[in-house]
Amino acid sequence: MDVFGLGPMELVVVLLVAFLLFGPSKLPEIGQTLGKAIREFRKATRDIGEDISQGLARADDKPAAAASSPIDAERASLLSEKAEIEAERARLAVERAQVEAEKARLAAQMEGSRASVKAGVEGAGAILAPPASEDTAPRQGS
């Protein structure tokens, strides 16, 4: 069972690294954002497929060459323009889904960078902190 071309062990390693980088509090937020982006992308691709199949069905029902009067020709022209507009709308929906997916990816990457910087700053603070001497350490029992 491969998911995105990764086997079970690779998925475990990826999830473990994500858990270490983001911590348990951020993982649900990142998962939710990625889930929304994937759902939006699937919806946009499904809408495109439906629009294309509807356009083909309409084209098969009434071919433009069969227009017998100027009104029929104008109607065919308007239907053609409408199909073009619907195709453009579907293309924009896919583009929007791609932008949302990229936005989610960048948000996850930014959270990882913040976690890395925070861990680095905390580590540097521990290294640079002066050792407690006897003079400054609080005394017990005095």
N, C-alpha and C. Protein backbone atom coordinates (compact mmCIF):
# COMPACT_ATOMS: atom_id res chain seq x y z
N MET A 1 0.84 -1.18 0.00
CA MET A 1 0.00 0.00 0.00
C MET A 1 0.89 1.24 0.00
N ASP A 2 1.06 1.85 -1.16
CA ASP A 2 1.86 3.06 -1.26
C ASP A 2 0.96 4.28 -1.28
N VAL A 3 1.32 5.28 -0.50
CA VAL A 3 0.61 6.55 -0.47
C VAL A 3 1.59 7.60 -0.96
N PHE A 4 1.25 8.25 -2.08
CA PHE A 4 2.13 9.25 -2.70
C PHE A 4 3.49 8.66 -3.03
N GLY A 5 3.54 7.37 -3.35
CA GLY A 5 4.79 6.73 -3.72
C GLY A 5 5.67 6.39 -2.52
N LEU A 6 5.14 6.50 -1.31
CA LEU A 6 5.89 6.19 -0.11
C LEU A 6 5.33 4.93 0.53
N GLY A 7 6.23 4.08 1.00
CA GLY A 7 5.81 2.88 1.70
C GLY A 7 5.45 3.19 3.14
N PRO A 8 5.03 2.18 3.90
CA PRO A 8 4.61 2.40 5.29
C PRO A 8 5.73 2.94 6.18
N MET A 9 6.93 2.44 6.01
CA MET A 9 8.03 2.91 6.86
C MET A 9 8.39 4.36 6.56
N GLU A 10 8.38 4.73 5.29
CA GLU A 10 8.69 6.12 4.93
C GLU A 10 7.63 7.06 5.50
N LEU A 11 6.36 6.64 5.46
CA LEU A 11 5.29 7.46 6.05
C LEU A 11 5.48 7.63 7.55
N VAL A 12 5.89 6.57 8.23
CA VAL A 12 6.13 6.66 9.67
C VAL A 12 7.25 7.64 9.95
N VAL A 13 8.32 7.59 9.16
CA VAL A 13 9.44 8.51 9.36
C VAL A 13 9.00 9.95 9.10
N VAL A 14 8.24 10.17 8.04
CA VAL A 14 7.77 11.52 7.72
C VAL A 14 6.88 12.04 8.85
N LEU A 15 5.96 11.21 9.33
CA LEU A 15 5.08 11.63 10.42
C LEU A 15 5.87 11.90 11.70
N LEU A 16 6.87 11.11 11.98
CA LEU A 16 7.70 11.31 13.18
C LEU A 16 8.47 12.64 13.08
N VAL A 17 9.03 12.93 11.92
CA VAL A 17 9.76 14.19 11.72
C VAL A 17 8.80 15.37 11.85
N ALA A 18 7.59 15.24 11.26
CA ALA A 18 6.60 16.32 11.38
C ALA A 18 6.22 16.53 12.84
N PHE A 19 6.05 15.44 13.58
CA PHE A 19 5.70 15.55 15.00
C PHE A 19 6.80 16.25 15.77
N LEU A 20 8.06 15.93 15.47
CA LEU A 20 9.18 16.56 16.17
C LEU A 20 9.31 18.04 15.80
N LEU A 21 9.08 18.37 14.52
CA LEU A 21 9.24 19.76 14.09
C LEU A 21 8.11 20.66 14.59
N PHE A 22 6.87 20.20 14.44
CA PHE A 22 5.74 21.06 14.71
C PHE A 22 5.16 20.88 16.10
N GLY A 23 5.36 19.75 16.70
CA GLY A 23 4.79 19.50 18.01
C GLY A 23 3.35 19.07 17.92
N PRO A 24 2.83 18.53 19.00
CA PRO A 24 1.47 17.99 18.96
C PRO A 24 0.38 19.04 18.81
N SER A 25 0.66 20.28 19.16
CA SER A 25 -0.40 21.30 19.10
C SER A 25 -0.62 21.82 17.68
N LYS A 26 0.40 21.84 16.84
CA LYS A 26 0.28 22.41 15.50
C LYS A 26 -0.12 21.38 14.45
N LEU A 27 0.12 20.10 14.68
CA LEU A 27 -0.17 19.09 13.68
C LEU A 27 -1.64 19.05 13.27
N PRO A 28 -2.61 19.16 14.18
CA PRO A 28 -4.01 19.17 13.73
C PRO A 28 -4.34 20.36 12.84
N GLU A 29 -3.77 21.52 13.14
CA GLU A 29 -4.02 22.71 12.32
C GLU A 29 -3.45 22.53 10.92
N ILE A 30 -2.25 21.99 10.84
CA ILE A 30 -1.61 21.77 9.54
C ILE A 30 -2.40 20.73 8.75
N GLY A 31 -2.81 19.66 9.41
CA GLY A 31 -3.61 18.62 8.74
C GLY A 31 -4.93 19.17 8.23
N GLN A 32 -5.56 20.02 9.02
CA GLN A 32 -6.83 20.61 8.62
C GLN A 32 -6.64 21.50 7.38
N THR A 33 -5.58 22.30 7.37
CA THR A 33 -5.31 23.19 6.24
C THR A 33 -5.03 22.38 4.98
N LEU A 34 -4.21 21.34 5.11
CA LEU A 34 -3.91 20.50 3.95
C LEU A 34 -5.17 19.76 3.47
N GLY A 35 -6.00 19.31 4.39
CA GLY A 35 -7.24 18.64 4.02
C GLY A 35 -8.16 19.55 3.25
N LYS A 36 -8.28 20.80 3.69
CA LYS A 36 -9.12 21.77 2.97
C LYS A 36 -8.59 22.00 1.56
N ALA A 37 -7.27 22.13 1.43
CA ALA A 37 -6.67 22.37 0.11
C ALA A 37 -6.92 21.18 -0.81
N ILE A 38 -6.78 19.97 -0.31
CA ILE A 38 -6.99 18.78 -1.13
C ILE A 38 -8.46 18.67 -1.54
N ARG A 39 -9.39 18.93 -0.58
CA ARG A 39 -10.81 18.89 -0.92
C ARG A 39 -11.16 19.92 -1.99
N GLU A 40 -10.62 21.12 -1.87
CA GLU A 40 -10.89 22.18 -2.84
C GLU A 40 -10.36 21.78 -4.22
N PHE A 41 -9.18 21.18 -4.26
CA PHE A 41 -8.60 20.75 -5.53
C PHE A 41 -9.46 19.66 -6.17
N ARG A 42 -9.88 18.67 -5.38
CA ARG A 42 -10.73 17.59 -5.91
C ARG A 42 -12.06 18.15 -6.42
N LYS A 43 -12.64 19.08 -5.68
CA LYS A 43 -13.92 19.68 -6.09
C LYS A 43 -13.75 20.43 -7.41
N ALA A 44 -12.65 21.17 -7.54
CA ALA A 44 -12.42 21.94 -8.77
C ALA A 44 -12.23 21.00 -9.96
N THR A 45 -11.48 19.92 -9.78
CA THR A 45 -11.28 19.00 -10.90
C THR A 45 -12.59 18.29 -11.26
N ARG A 46 -13.40 17.96 -10.25
CA ARG A 46 -14.70 17.34 -10.52
C ARG A 46 -15.60 18.32 -11.29
N ASP A 47 -15.60 19.59 -10.88
CA ASP A 47 -16.41 20.60 -11.57
C ASP A 47 -15.97 20.77 -13.03
N ILE A 48 -14.67 20.72 -13.26
CA ILE A 48 -14.17 20.84 -14.64
C ILE A 48 -14.68 19.68 -15.47
N GLY A 49 -14.58 18.47 -14.92
CA GLY A 49 -15.07 17.29 -15.65
C GLY A 49 -16.54 17.40 -15.97
N GLU A 50 -17.33 17.86 -15.01
CA GLU A 50 -18.77 18.02 -15.24
C GLU A 50 -19.05 19.08 -16.30
N ASP A 51 -18.33 20.21 -16.23
CA ASP A 51 -18.53 21.27 -17.22
C ASP A 51 -18.18 20.79 -18.62
N ILE A 52 -17.10 20.04 -18.74
CA ILE A 52 -16.69 19.55 -20.06
C ILE A 52 -17.72 18.56 -20.59
N SER A 53 -18.17 17.64 -19.72
CA SER A 53 -19.15 16.65 -20.19
C SER A 53 -20.48 17.32 -20.55
N GLN A 54 -20.89 18.33 -19.80
CA GLN A 54 -22.12 19.05 -20.14
C GLN A 54 -21.97 19.80 -21.45
N GLY A 55 -20.81 20.41 -21.65
CA GLY A 55 -20.57 21.12 -22.91
C GLY A 55 -20.57 20.19 -24.10
N LEU A 56 -19.99 19.01 -23.94
CA LEU A 56 -19.99 18.03 -25.03
C LEU A 56 -21.40 17.52 -25.29
N ALA A 57 -22.17 17.30 -24.21
CA ALA A 57 -23.54 16.83 -24.39
C ALA A 57 -24.37 17.87 -25.13
N ARG A 58 -24.19 19.15 -24.80
CA ARG A 58 -24.93 20.21 -25.47
C ARG A 58 -24.52 20.32 -26.94
N ALA A 59 -23.22 20.14 -27.19
CA ALA A 59 -22.74 20.23 -28.57
C ALA A 59 -23.29 19.08 -29.40
N ASP A 60 -23.45 17.91 -28.78
CA ASP A 60 -23.99 16.77 -29.50
C ASP A 60 -25.49 16.93 -29.75
N ASP A 61 -26.20 17.58 -28.82
CA ASP A 61 -27.64 17.74 -28.96
C ASP A 61 -28.02 18.65 -30.12
N LYS A 62 -27.37 19.81 -30.20
CA LYS A 62 -27.73 20.78 -31.23
C LYS A 62 -26.46 21.33 -31.88
N PRO A 63 -26.03 20.74 -32.95
CA PRO A 63 -24.84 21.26 -33.62
C PRO A 63 -25.08 22.66 -34.20
N ALA A 64 -24.06 23.48 -34.19
CA ALA A 64 -24.18 24.86 -34.65
C ALA A 64 -24.44 24.92 -36.15
N ALA A 65 -24.03 23.93 -36.89
CA ALA A 65 -24.22 23.95 -38.34
C ALA A 65 -25.68 23.77 -38.72
N ALA A 66 -26.51 23.27 -37.80
CA ALA A 66 -27.91 23.02 -38.12
C ALA A 66 -28.78 24.26 -37.91
N ALA A 67 -28.19 25.40 -37.65
CA ALA A 67 -28.97 26.61 -37.43
C ALA A 67 -29.66 27.01 -38.73
N SER A 68 -30.98 27.12 -38.65
CA SER A 68 -31.74 27.41 -39.88
C SER A 68 -32.16 28.86 -39.98
N SER A 69 -32.08 29.62 -38.89
CA SER A 69 -32.49 31.01 -38.95
C SER A 69 -31.46 31.86 -38.22
N PRO A 70 -31.52 33.18 -38.41
CA PRO A 70 -30.59 34.06 -37.70
C PRO A 70 -30.72 33.95 -36.18
N ILE A 71 -31.93 33.71 -35.70
CA ILE A 71 -32.13 33.58 -34.25
C ILE A 71 -31.42 32.33 -33.74
N ASP A 72 -31.53 31.23 -34.49
CA ASP A 72 -30.85 30.00 -34.10
C ASP A 72 -29.33 30.19 -34.12
N ALA A 73 -28.84 30.93 -35.12
CA ALA A 73 -27.40 31.19 -35.22
C ALA A 73 -26.93 32.01 -34.02
N GLU A 74 -27.71 33.03 -33.65
CA GLU A 74 -27.36 33.88 -32.50
C GLU A 74 -27.39 33.05 -31.21
N ARG A 75 -28.39 32.20 -31.10
CA ARG A 75 -28.50 31.34 -29.91
C ARG A 75 -27.29 30.41 -29.82
N ALA A 76 -26.90 29.83 -30.93
CA ALA A 76 -25.73 28.95 -30.95
C ALA A 76 -24.47 29.71 -30.56
N SER A 77 -24.37 30.94 -31.04
CA SER A 77 -23.22 31.78 -30.70
C SER A 77 -23.18 32.07 -29.21
N LEU A 78 -24.35 32.41 -28.64
CA LEU A 78 -24.42 32.70 -27.22
C LEU A 78 -24.11 31.46 -26.38
N LEU A 79 -24.61 30.30 -26.82
CA LEU A 79 -24.30 29.07 -26.10
C LEU A 79 -22.81 28.75 -26.14
N SER A 80 -22.19 29.03 -27.27
CA SER A 80 -20.76 28.82 -27.40
C SER A 80 -19.99 29.74 -26.45
N GLU A 81 -20.41 31.01 -26.39
CA GLU A 81 -19.77 31.96 -25.46
C GLU A 81 -19.97 31.52 -24.01
N LYS A 82 -21.17 31.04 -23.71
CA LYS A 82 -21.45 30.57 -22.36
C LYS A 82 -20.54 29.39 -22.00
N ALA A 83 -20.36 28.47 -22.94
CA ALA A 83 -19.48 27.32 -22.69
C ALA A 83 -18.05 27.78 -22.45
N GLU A 84 -17.60 28.78 -23.22
CA GLU A 84 -16.25 29.32 -23.03
C GLU A 84 -16.12 29.96 -21.65
N ILE A 85 -17.14 30.69 -21.22
CA ILE A 85 -17.11 31.33 -19.90
C ILE A 85 -17.09 30.26 -18.81
N GLU A 86 -17.88 29.21 -18.96
CA GLU A 86 -17.89 28.13 -17.97
C GLU A 86 -16.55 27.42 -17.92
N ALA A 87 -15.93 27.23 -19.07
CA ALA A 87 -14.61 26.60 -19.10
C ALA A 87 -13.58 27.49 -18.39
N GLU A 88 -13.67 28.79 -18.62
CA GLU A 88 -12.75 29.73 -17.94
C GLU A 88 -12.99 29.71 -16.44
N ARG A 89 -14.26 29.64 -16.03
CA ARG A 89 -14.60 29.57 -14.61
C ARG A 89 -14.01 28.31 -13.99
N ALA A 90 -14.12 27.21 -14.68
CA ALA A 90 -13.56 25.95 -14.18
C ALA A 90 -12.04 26.04 -14.08
N ARG A 91 -11.41 26.65 -15.10
CA ARG A 91 -9.95 26.81 -15.07
C ARG A 91 -9.52 27.66 -13.87
N LEU A 92 -10.28 28.72 -13.61
CA LEU A 92 -9.97 29.58 -12.47
C LEU A 92 -10.19 28.86 -11.14
N ALA A 93 -11.19 27.97 -11.09
CA ALA A 93 -11.41 27.20 -9.86
C ALA A 93 -10.24 26.27 -9.60
N VAL A 94 -9.71 25.65 -10.65
CA VAL A 94 -8.54 24.78 -10.49
C VAL A 94 -7.34 25.61 -10.05
N GLU A 95 -7.17 26.76 -10.67
CA GLU A 95 -6.06 27.64 -10.31
C GLU A 95 -6.18 28.07 -8.84
N ARG A 96 -7.40 28.36 -8.41
CA ARG A 96 -7.62 28.76 -7.01
C ARG A 96 -7.27 27.60 -6.07
N ALA A 97 -7.65 26.40 -6.44
CA ALA A 97 -7.33 25.24 -5.62
C ALA A 97 -5.83 25.03 -5.54
N GLN A 98 -5.13 25.26 -6.64
CA GLN A 98 -3.68 25.13 -6.63
C GLN A 98 -3.05 26.19 -5.74
N VAL A 99 -3.58 27.40 -5.79
CA VAL A 99 -3.07 28.47 -4.93
C VAL A 99 -3.31 28.14 -3.46
N GLU A 100 -4.49 27.60 -3.15
CA GLU A 100 -4.79 27.21 -1.77
C GLU A 100 -3.86 26.10 -1.29
N ALA A 101 -3.58 25.14 -2.17
CA ALA A 101 -2.66 24.05 -1.81
C ALA A 101 -1.26 24.60 -1.57
N GLU A 102 -0.82 25.52 -2.42
CA GLU A 102 0.50 26.13 -2.24
C GLU A 102 0.53 26.96 -0.96
N LYS A 103 -0.56 27.64 -0.66
CA LYS A 103 -0.66 28.44 0.56
C LYS A 103 -0.53 27.52 1.79
N ALA A 104 -1.22 26.39 1.76
CA ALA A 104 -1.14 25.44 2.87
C ALA A 104 0.27 24.87 3.01
N ARG A 105 0.90 24.58 1.87
CA ARG A 105 2.27 24.04 1.90
C ARG A 105 3.22 25.07 2.50
N LEU A 106 3.09 26.33 2.08
CA LEU A 106 3.96 27.38 2.60
C LEU A 106 3.71 27.64 4.09
N ALA A 107 2.45 27.55 4.51
CA ALA A 107 2.14 27.73 5.93
C ALA A 107 2.80 26.63 6.76
N ALA A 108 2.73 25.41 6.26
CA ALA A 108 3.36 24.30 6.97
C ALA A 108 4.88 24.48 7.00
N GLN A 109 5.43 24.92 5.88
CA GLN A 109 6.87 25.15 5.82
C GLN A 109 7.28 26.28 6.78
N MET A 110 6.47 27.32 6.85
CA MET A 110 6.77 28.44 7.73
C MET A 110 6.71 28.01 9.19
N GLU A 111 5.71 27.20 9.54
CA GLU A 111 5.62 26.69 10.91
C GLU A 111 6.84 25.85 11.26
N GLY A 112 7.31 25.06 10.29
CA GLY A 112 8.52 24.26 10.52
C GLY A 112 9.73 25.14 10.73
N SER A 113 9.82 26.22 9.96
CA SER A 113 10.94 27.14 10.12
C SER A 113 10.88 27.84 11.47
N ARG A 114 9.67 28.24 11.87
CA ARG A 114 9.52 28.88 13.18
C ARG A 114 9.93 27.93 14.30
N ALA A 115 9.52 26.68 14.19
CA ALA A 115 9.86 25.70 15.22
C ALA A 115 11.37 25.49 15.26
N SER A 116 12.01 25.44 14.10
CA SER A 116 13.46 25.26 14.04
C SER A 116 14.19 26.45 14.66
N VAL A 117 13.72 27.66 14.33
CA VAL A 117 14.35 28.86 14.88
C VAL A 117 14.15 28.91 16.39
N LYS A 118 12.94 28.59 16.84
CA LYS A 118 12.65 28.61 18.27
C LYS A 118 13.54 27.60 19.00
N ALA A 119 13.67 26.42 18.43
CA ALA A 119 14.52 25.40 19.06
C ALA A 119 15.97 25.86 19.07
N GLY A 120 16.40 26.51 17.98
CA GLY A 120 17.78 27.01 17.92
C GLY A 120 18.02 28.12 18.92
N VAL A 121 17.06 29.02 19.08
CA VAL A 121 17.21 30.12 20.04
C VAL A 121 17.23 29.58 21.46
N GLU A 122 16.35 28.63 21.74
CA GLU A 122 16.34 28.05 23.08
C GLU A 122 17.63 27.30 23.36
N GLY A 123 18.14 26.61 22.37
CA GLY A 123 19.41 25.90 22.53
C GLY A 123 20.56 26.87 22.73
N ALA A 124 20.56 27.97 21.98
CA ALA A 124 21.62 28.96 22.12
C ALA A 124 21.53 29.65 23.48
N GLY A 125 20.32 29.88 23.96
CA GLY A 125 20.15 30.50 25.27
C GLY A 125 20.72 29.63 26.37
N ALA A 126 20.54 28.33 26.25
CA ALA A 126 21.06 27.42 27.26
C ALA A 126 22.58 27.38 27.22
N ILE A 127 23.14 27.50 26.03
CA ILE A 127 24.59 27.47 25.90
C ILE A 127 25.21 28.76 26.40
N LEU A 128 24.59 29.90 26.10
CA LEU A 128 25.15 31.21 26.44
C LEU A 128 24.84 31.63 27.87
N ALA A 129 23.94 30.97 28.55
CA ALA A 129 23.59 31.37 29.91
C ALA A 129 24.79 31.13 30.83
N PRO A 130 25.10 32.11 31.69
CA PRO A 130 26.25 31.93 32.58
C PRO A 130 25.93 30.88 33.65
N PRO A 131 26.92 30.13 34.05
CA PRO A 131 26.68 29.13 35.09
C PRO A 131 26.37 29.83 36.41
N ALA A 132 25.52 29.21 37.18
CA ALA A 132 25.17 29.78 38.48
C ALA A 132 26.33 29.57 39.44
N SER A 133 26.78 30.66 40.06
CA SER A 133 27.90 30.55 41.02
C SER A 133 27.31 30.49 42.42
N GLU A 134 28.18 30.25 43.34
CA GLU A 134 27.71 30.15 44.73
C GLU A 134 27.22 31.49 45.24
N ASP A 135 27.80 32.59 44.71
CA ASP A 135 27.42 33.91 45.18
C ASP A 135 25.99 34.27 44.77
N THR A 136 25.58 33.88 43.59
CA THR A 136 24.27 34.27 43.09
C THR A 136 23.21 33.19 43.34
N ALA A 137 23.62 31.99 43.67
CA ALA A 137 22.67 30.92 43.90
C ALA A 137 21.95 31.12 45.23
N PRO A 138 20.64 30.91 45.30
CA PRO A 138 19.94 31.06 46.57
C PRO A 138 20.37 29.96 47.55
N ARG A 139 20.47 30.36 48.76
CA ARG A 139 20.94 29.39 49.78
C ARG A 139 19.75 28.75 50.45
N GLN A 140 19.92 27.51 50.73
CA GLN A 140 18.89 26.75 51.39
C GLN A 140 19.09 26.83 52.90
N GLY A 141 18.03 26.97 53.61
CA GLY A 141 18.06 26.93 55.06
C GLY A 141 18.64 28.15 55.73
N SER A 142 18.83 29.26 55.07
CA SER A 142 19.37 30.45 55.73
C SER A 142 18.28 31.34 56.22
